Amino acid sequence: MAASMANSPRPNPAVIAELSARIQRIGRHGRISERPLPVVPLGIETIDAALPWKGLPRGGLHEVVAADISTAAAGFCAVVLARLAGDDGAVAWCRPGAGCHGPGLLYGPGLVGLGLDLRRLIVVRARREADLLWAMEEGLRSGALVAMAGETATLQPVALRRLQLAAESTGTAALLLRPAGVQPAATPALTRWRIGTARAQSPPDAADGVVRPPGGGGAEGHRVRPRWSVELLRCRTGIAGPPVAAGGLSPSGACSGASSWLLEWCDETGGFVVAAELQHRSPKPAQAEPAQAQAHATTP
């Protein structure tokens, strides 16, 4: 035994330092990190209060899943990007190229109406999903952006983990926009949202019920404010335990309060407000509400 120990290789300080750094990164998902993540409030008091960070943390991956074929989920991403960008931050949006899944071109006036400054937006078109993931990872690791969004239907756990680590390394927020119908899977994302349309209501003085995109307005009719259904399906604080499912809580109480909201866009404030008639639901056990069980009304 003594001879065996004598012949053992001497510890390499560089290797030990590298392993320690890796363990520290992994440990952030096993316990509360000693270094708090920078947080950007979403500007919606009830949602910010329901998140354990009291806002959306930078330096992490966030999934946004479409509840229907509308552009509500993309609009939600645009609003979040605008919040993350602030007054001087640059953001990027990676999209599938020709022949890939996904909608057409981004609508500039609609993005502006949702508060996103096009002068600070970089749009990347990728021919293959591998190229899209590469562009996202490089953008996150560059440190030149405050946030990066990407649209993709399928992802391998290894790819998700690489994006999460890249976001952590520079404190850059990563938004992953996924189409309706994708199956939920294990993910290192800090939050997972499901966004859909809800039936819009005309303001009290609306006469013609004309629906226009945010920022539309005009003399030809009164604007009907669009409504979105927003569900927080999952959030992770770094405390060990199973993921938070739809309407549920982790054993550590990672999410609290209501898990779904009905939001209405307000042009006057340039942001969302919670619809007045929304009745907050009590959290339900994860098994009582499957991920695909929530139905949404669509805008007429």
Protein backbone atom coordinates (compact mmCIF):
# COMPACT_ATOMS: atom_id res chain seq x y z
CA MET A 1 0.00 0.00 0.00
CA ALA A 2 2.82 2.39 0.94
CA ALA A 3 4.65 1.62 -2.29
CA SER A 4 1.47 2.23 -4.29
CA MET A 5 0.95 5.62 -2.67
CA ALA A 6 4.57 6.54 -3.21
CA ASN A 7 4.23 5.84 -6.93
CA SER A 8 1.03 7.91 -7.26
CA PRO A 9 1.34 11.01 -9.47
CA ARG A 10 1.73 14.31 -7.66
CA PRO A 11 -1.31 16.62 -7.65
CA ASN A 12 -1.41 19.08 -10.51
CA PRO A 13 -2.56 22.51 -9.24
CA ALA A 14 -3.90 23.50 -12.66
CA VAL A 15 -6.03 20.35 -12.91
CA ILE A 16 -7.29 20.81 -9.36
CA ALA A 17 -8.25 24.43 -10.11
CA GLU A 18 -10.11 23.39 -13.27
CA LEU A 19 -12.01 20.65 -11.44
CA SER A 20 -12.87 23.03 -8.61
CA ALA A 21 -14.28 25.53 -11.11
CA ARG A 22 -16.39 22.83 -12.75
CA ILE A 23 -17.71 21.60 -9.41
CA GLN A 24 -18.59 25.15 -8.45
CA ARG A 25 -20.57 25.63 -11.67
CA ILE A 26 -22.41 22.35 -11.18
CA GLY A 27 -23.02 23.22 -7.54
CA ARG A 28 -25.03 26.27 -8.50
CA HIS A 29 -27.79 23.89 -9.52
CA GLY A 30 -27.52 21.87 -6.33
CA ARG A 31 -27.69 24.65 -3.75
CA ILE A 32 -28.26 28.37 -3.49
CA SER A 33 -25.37 30.22 -5.10
CA GLU A 34 -23.41 32.51 -2.83
CA ARG A 35 -23.20 35.04 -5.65
CA PRO A 36 -26.69 36.34 -6.48
CA LEU A 37 -27.66 36.55 -10.12
CA PRO A 38 -28.27 40.03 -11.56
CA VAL A 39 -32.02 40.47 -11.95
CA VAL A 40 -34.12 42.57 -14.31
CA PRO A 41 -37.72 43.17 -13.19
CA LEU A 42 -40.31 42.37 -15.84
CA GLY A 43 -42.28 45.42 -14.76
CA ILE A 44 -45.37 43.35 -13.87
CA GLU A 45 -45.62 43.41 -10.09
CA THR A 46 -47.55 40.17 -9.62
CA ILE A 47 -45.22 38.17 -11.87
CA ASP A 48 -42.06 39.67 -10.41
CA ALA A 49 -43.37 38.85 -6.92
CA ALA A 50 -44.04 35.22 -7.92
CA LEU A 51 -40.45 34.71 -9.10
CA PRO A 52 -37.96 33.77 -6.38
CA TRP A 53 -35.53 36.41 -7.71
CA LYS A 54 -38.26 39.12 -7.87
CA GLY A 55 -37.55 39.49 -11.56
CA LEU A 56 -35.86 37.66 -14.42
CA PRO A 57 -32.24 36.72 -13.68
CA ARG A 58 -29.52 37.33 -16.22
CA GLY A 59 -26.79 34.77 -16.66
CA GLY A 60 -29.17 31.91 -17.32
CA LEU A 61 -31.36 30.09 -19.83
CA HIS A 62 -35.10 30.79 -20.04
CA GLU A 63 -37.54 28.76 -22.18
CA VAL A 64 -40.61 30.32 -23.80
CA VAL A 65 -43.01 27.75 -25.27
CA ALA A 66 -45.83 28.82 -27.60
CA ALA A 67 -49.29 27.67 -26.49
CA ASP A 68 -50.74 28.16 -29.99
CA ILE A 69 -49.72 29.09 -33.52
CA SER A 70 -50.04 32.82 -32.89
CA THR A 71 -47.10 35.19 -32.49
CA ALA A 72 -47.85 35.82 -28.81
CA ALA A 73 -44.80 33.88 -27.62
CA ALA A 74 -42.52 35.79 -29.99
CA GLY A 75 -44.07 39.03 -28.76
CA PHE A 76 -43.39 38.03 -25.17
CA CYS A 77 -39.75 37.39 -26.09
CA ALA A 78 -39.56 40.83 -27.69
CA VAL A 79 -40.89 42.48 -24.53
CA VAL A 80 -38.40 40.57 -22.37
CA LEU A 81 -35.52 41.46 -24.72
CA ALA A 82 -36.52 45.11 -24.51
CA ARG A 83 -36.49 44.96 -20.71
CA LEU A 84 -33.10 43.27 -20.69
CA ALA A 85 -31.62 45.70 -23.23
CA GLY A 86 -32.56 48.79 -21.25
CA ASP A 87 -31.26 52.03 -22.73
CA ASP A 88 -27.93 50.89 -24.14
CA GLY A 89 -27.71 47.09 -24.34
CA ALA A 90 -27.40 45.08 -27.56
CA VAL A 91 -29.48 41.94 -28.13
CA ALA A 92 -29.52 39.26 -30.84
CA TRP A 93 -32.27 37.03 -32.22
CA CYS A 94 -31.33 33.76 -33.95
CA ARG A 95 -33.94 32.41 -36.35
CA PRO A 96 -34.26 29.39 -38.65
CA GLY A 97 -33.43 30.10 -42.27
CA ALA A 98 -35.30 29.16 -45.43
CA GLY A 99 -36.69 25.65 -45.39
CA CYS A 100 -36.63 25.41 -41.60
CA HIS A 101 -39.54 25.49 -39.19
CA GLY A 102 -40.82 28.75 -37.82
CA PRO A 103 -42.72 31.84 -38.98
CA GLY A 104 -41.60 34.36 -41.54
CA LEU A 105 -39.72 37.60 -41.05
CA LEU A 106 -39.88 39.56 -37.84
CA TYR A 107 -42.25 42.52 -38.12
CA GLY A 108 -40.24 45.65 -37.31
CA PRO A 109 -43.11 48.02 -36.42
CA GLY A 110 -44.57 45.37 -34.13
CA LEU A 111 -41.25 44.97 -32.31
CA VAL A 112 -40.97 48.74 -31.92
CA GLY A 113 -44.52 48.84 -30.56
CA LEU A 114 -43.47 46.32 -27.93
CA GLY A 115 -40.59 48.54 -26.83
CA LEU A 116 -37.67 46.88 -28.66
CA ASP A 117 -35.22 49.36 -30.20
CA LEU A 118 -34.31 47.98 -33.65
CA ARG A 119 -30.99 49.85 -33.56
CA ARG A 120 -29.89 47.49 -30.79
CA LEU A 121 -31.21 44.30 -32.38
CA ILE A 122 -29.07 41.86 -34.40
CA VAL A 123 -31.02 39.25 -36.38
CA VAL A 124 -29.20 36.03 -37.29
CA ARG A 125 -30.57 33.56 -39.86
CA ALA A 126 -29.25 30.01 -39.64
CA ARG A 127 -29.65 27.30 -42.29
CA ARG A 128 -29.36 24.42 -39.84
CA GLU A 129 -30.21 23.98 -36.20
CA ALA A 130 -26.57 23.18 -35.48
CA ASP A 131 -25.62 26.58 -36.93
CA LEU A 132 -28.29 28.30 -34.85
CA LEU A 133 -27.04 26.70 -31.64
CA TRP A 134 -23.44 27.56 -32.54
CA ALA A 135 -24.38 31.20 -33.15
CA MET A 136 -26.27 31.36 -29.85
CA GLU A 137 -23.40 29.88 -27.87
CA GLU A 138 -20.83 32.17 -29.50
CA GLY A 139 -23.01 35.21 -28.91
CA LEU A 140 -23.53 34.30 -25.26
CA ARG A 141 -19.82 33.73 -24.68
CA SER A 142 -18.78 36.93 -26.45
CA GLY A 143 -19.86 39.20 -23.62
CA ALA A 144 -20.90 41.81 -26.19
CA LEU A 145 -24.64 41.21 -25.72
CA VAL A 146 -26.98 41.60 -22.77
CA ALA A 147 -29.41 38.98 -24.10
CA MET A 148 -29.82 36.49 -26.91
CA ALA A 149 -32.95 34.76 -28.20
CA GLY A 150 -33.15 31.70 -30.41
CA GLU A 151 -35.99 29.79 -32.07
CA THR A 152 -35.75 26.02 -32.21
CA ALA A 153 -38.11 23.03 -32.08
CA THR A 154 -35.82 20.28 -30.81
CA LEU A 155 -32.80 20.38 -28.57
CA GLN A 156 -30.56 17.78 -27.03
CA PRO A 157 -29.82 18.02 -23.28
CA VAL A 158 -26.13 18.55 -24.03
CA ALA A 159 -26.94 21.55 -26.23
CA LEU A 160 -29.18 23.03 -23.55
CA ARG A 161 -26.47 22.57 -20.96
CA ARG A 162 -23.90 24.30 -23.19
CA LEU A 163 -26.21 27.28 -23.62
CA GLN A 164 -26.80 27.50 -19.88
CA LEU A 165 -23.07 27.40 -19.13
CA ALA A 166 -22.36 29.99 -21.84
CA ALA A 167 -25.00 32.30 -20.37
CA GLU A 168 -23.55 31.83 -16.88
CA SER A 169 -20.01 32.54 -18.01
CA THR A 170 -20.78 36.11 -19.11
CA GLY A 171 -23.97 36.95 -17.23
CA THR A 172 -25.92 37.11 -20.50
CA ALA A 173 -29.59 36.12 -20.61
CA ALA A 174 -30.56 33.40 -23.09
CA LEU A 175 -34.16 33.06 -24.31
CA LEU A 176 -35.17 29.87 -26.08
CA LEU A 177 -38.38 30.24 -28.11
CA ARG A 178 -40.03 26.92 -28.89
CA PRO A 179 -43.10 26.29 -31.10
CA ALA A 180 -46.43 24.91 -29.94
CA GLY A 181 -46.69 21.16 -29.52
CA VAL A 182 -43.13 20.45 -28.39
CA GLN A 183 -42.86 17.88 -25.65
CA PRO A 184 -41.49 19.10 -22.31
CA ALA A 185 -38.12 17.65 -21.39
CA ALA A 186 -35.52 17.88 -18.67
CA THR A 187 -33.74 21.19 -18.95
CA PRO A 188 -31.23 23.32 -17.02
CA ALA A 189 -33.30 26.44 -17.79
CA LEU A 190 -33.98 28.75 -14.86
CA THR A 191 -37.56 29.36 -16.00
CA ARG A 192 -40.01 27.89 -18.48
CA TRP A 193 -43.02 29.86 -19.70
CA ARG A 194 -46.01 29.06 -21.92
CA ILE A 195 -47.48 32.00 -23.81
CA GLY A 196 -50.69 32.11 -25.85
CA THR A 197 -53.38 34.49 -27.01
CA ALA A 198 -56.52 35.26 -25.05
CA ARG A 199 -59.79 36.85 -26.10
CA ALA A 200 -59.35 40.59 -26.40
CA GLN A 201 -61.91 43.04 -25.05
CA SER A 202 -62.76 46.41 -26.52
CA PRO A 203 -62.18 49.48 -24.34
CA PRO A 204 -65.39 51.15 -23.07
CA ASP A 205 -65.37 53.70 -25.93
CA ALA A 206 -64.57 51.24 -28.73
CA ALA A 207 -67.10 51.49 -31.52
CA ASP A 208 -65.85 49.25 -34.31
CA GLY A 209 -63.79 46.55 -32.61
CA VAL A 210 -60.85 46.99 -34.96
CA VAL A 211 -57.85 44.96 -33.81
CA ARG A 212 -54.43 46.47 -34.48
CA PRO A 213 -50.91 45.49 -33.46
CA PRO A 214 -49.38 47.26 -30.45
CA GLY A 215 -48.63 50.85 -31.36
CA GLY A 216 -51.26 50.81 -34.12
CA GLY A 217 -53.87 53.38 -33.16
CA GLY A 218 -55.05 55.73 -35.86
CA ALA A 219 -58.15 57.69 -36.75
CA GLU A 220 -59.85 54.88 -38.63
CA GLY A 221 -61.11 53.16 -35.46
CA HIS A 222 -60.59 52.42 -31.81
CA ARG A 223 -57.99 49.91 -30.85
CA VAL A 224 -58.79 46.65 -29.10
CA ARG A 225 -56.06 45.83 -26.60
CA PRO A 226 -54.60 42.37 -27.22
CA ARG A 227 -54.43 39.92 -24.35
CA TRP A 228 -51.95 37.18 -23.69
CA SER A 229 -52.15 34.19 -21.38
CA VAL A 230 -48.88 33.76 -19.48
CA GLU A 231 -48.05 30.62 -17.52
CA LEU A 232 -44.97 30.02 -15.43
CA LEU A 233 -44.50 26.27 -15.86
CA ARG A 234 -41.21 25.89 -14.07
CA CYS A 235 -38.56 27.85 -12.22
CA ARG A 236 -35.31 26.83 -10.62
CA THR A 237 -33.53 28.59 -7.78
CA GLY A 238 -30.54 26.31 -7.53
CA ILE A 239 -32.06 24.38 -4.63
CA ALA A 240 -32.06 20.61 -5.04
CA GLY A 241 -35.40 19.06 -5.89
CA PRO A 242 -37.65 18.16 -8.81
CA PRO A 243 -38.51 20.87 -11.35
CA VAL A 244 -41.53 23.05 -10.76
CA ALA A 245 -44.33 21.91 -13.07
CA ALA A 246 -47.44 23.75 -14.24
CA GLY A 247 -49.12 25.40 -11.30
CA GLY A 248 -46.97 23.53 -8.81
CA LEU A 249 -44.31 24.14 -6.20
CA SER A 250 -41.01 22.49 -5.56
CA PRO A 251 -40.41 21.14 -2.04
CA SER A 252 -38.26 24.22 -1.46
CA GLY A 253 -41.07 26.58 -2.42
CA ALA A 254 -39.19 27.90 -5.45
CA CYS A 255 -42.31 29.48 -6.95
CA SER A 256 -45.04 31.10 -4.92
CA GLY A 257 -48.44 32.58 -5.60
CA ALA A 258 -50.31 32.38 -8.89
CA SER A 259 -48.67 30.57 -11.79
CA SER A 260 -50.85 31.98 -14.57
CA TRP A 261 -51.85 35.46 -15.52
CA LEU A 262 -53.96 37.20 -18.13
CA LEU A 263 -52.05 40.21 -19.43
CA GLU A 264 -53.24 43.11 -21.53
CA TRP A 265 -50.96 45.35 -23.55
CA CYS A 266 -51.20 49.06 -22.76
CA ASP A 267 -49.88 51.51 -25.36
CA GLU A 268 -50.10 54.39 -22.91
CA THR A 269 -47.56 52.83 -20.55
CA GLY A 270 -45.68 50.78 -23.15
CA GLY A 271 -46.05 47.63 -21.10
CA PHE A 272 -48.35 44.93 -19.78
CA VAL A 273 -51.01 45.25 -17.14
CA VAL A 274 -52.83 42.38 -15.45
CA ALA A 275 -56.42 42.17 -16.70
CA ALA A 276 -58.82 43.42 -14.04
CA GLU A 277 -61.12 40.41 -14.07
CA LEU A 278 -58.34 37.83 -13.74
CA GLN A 279 -58.95 35.41 -10.89
CA HIS A 280 -55.64 34.09 -9.54
CA ARG A 281 -55.72 30.35 -9.20
CA SER A 282 -54.30 28.44 -6.28
CA PRO A 283 -51.30 26.29 -7.13
CA LYS A 284 -52.14 22.68 -7.95
CA PRO A 285 -49.98 19.58 -7.73
CA ALA A 286 -47.94 18.97 -10.87
CA GLN A 287 -49.68 15.67 -11.63
CA ALA A 288 -53.11 17.30 -11.50
CA GLU A 289 -52.42 19.53 -14.50
CA PRO A 290 -50.45 18.03 -17.41
CA ALA A 291 -48.32 20.39 -19.46
CA GLN A 292 -50.71 20.24 -22.41
CA ALA A 293 -53.98 20.45 -20.46
CA GLN A 294 -54.45 24.22 -20.35
CA ALA A 295 -56.72 25.42 -23.18
CA HIS A 296 -56.67 28.99 -24.44
CA ALA A 297 -59.21 31.07 -26.30
CA THR A 298 -57.83 32.82 -29.39
CA THR A 299 -58.24 36.39 -30.49
CA PRO A 300 -61.21 36.72 -32.86
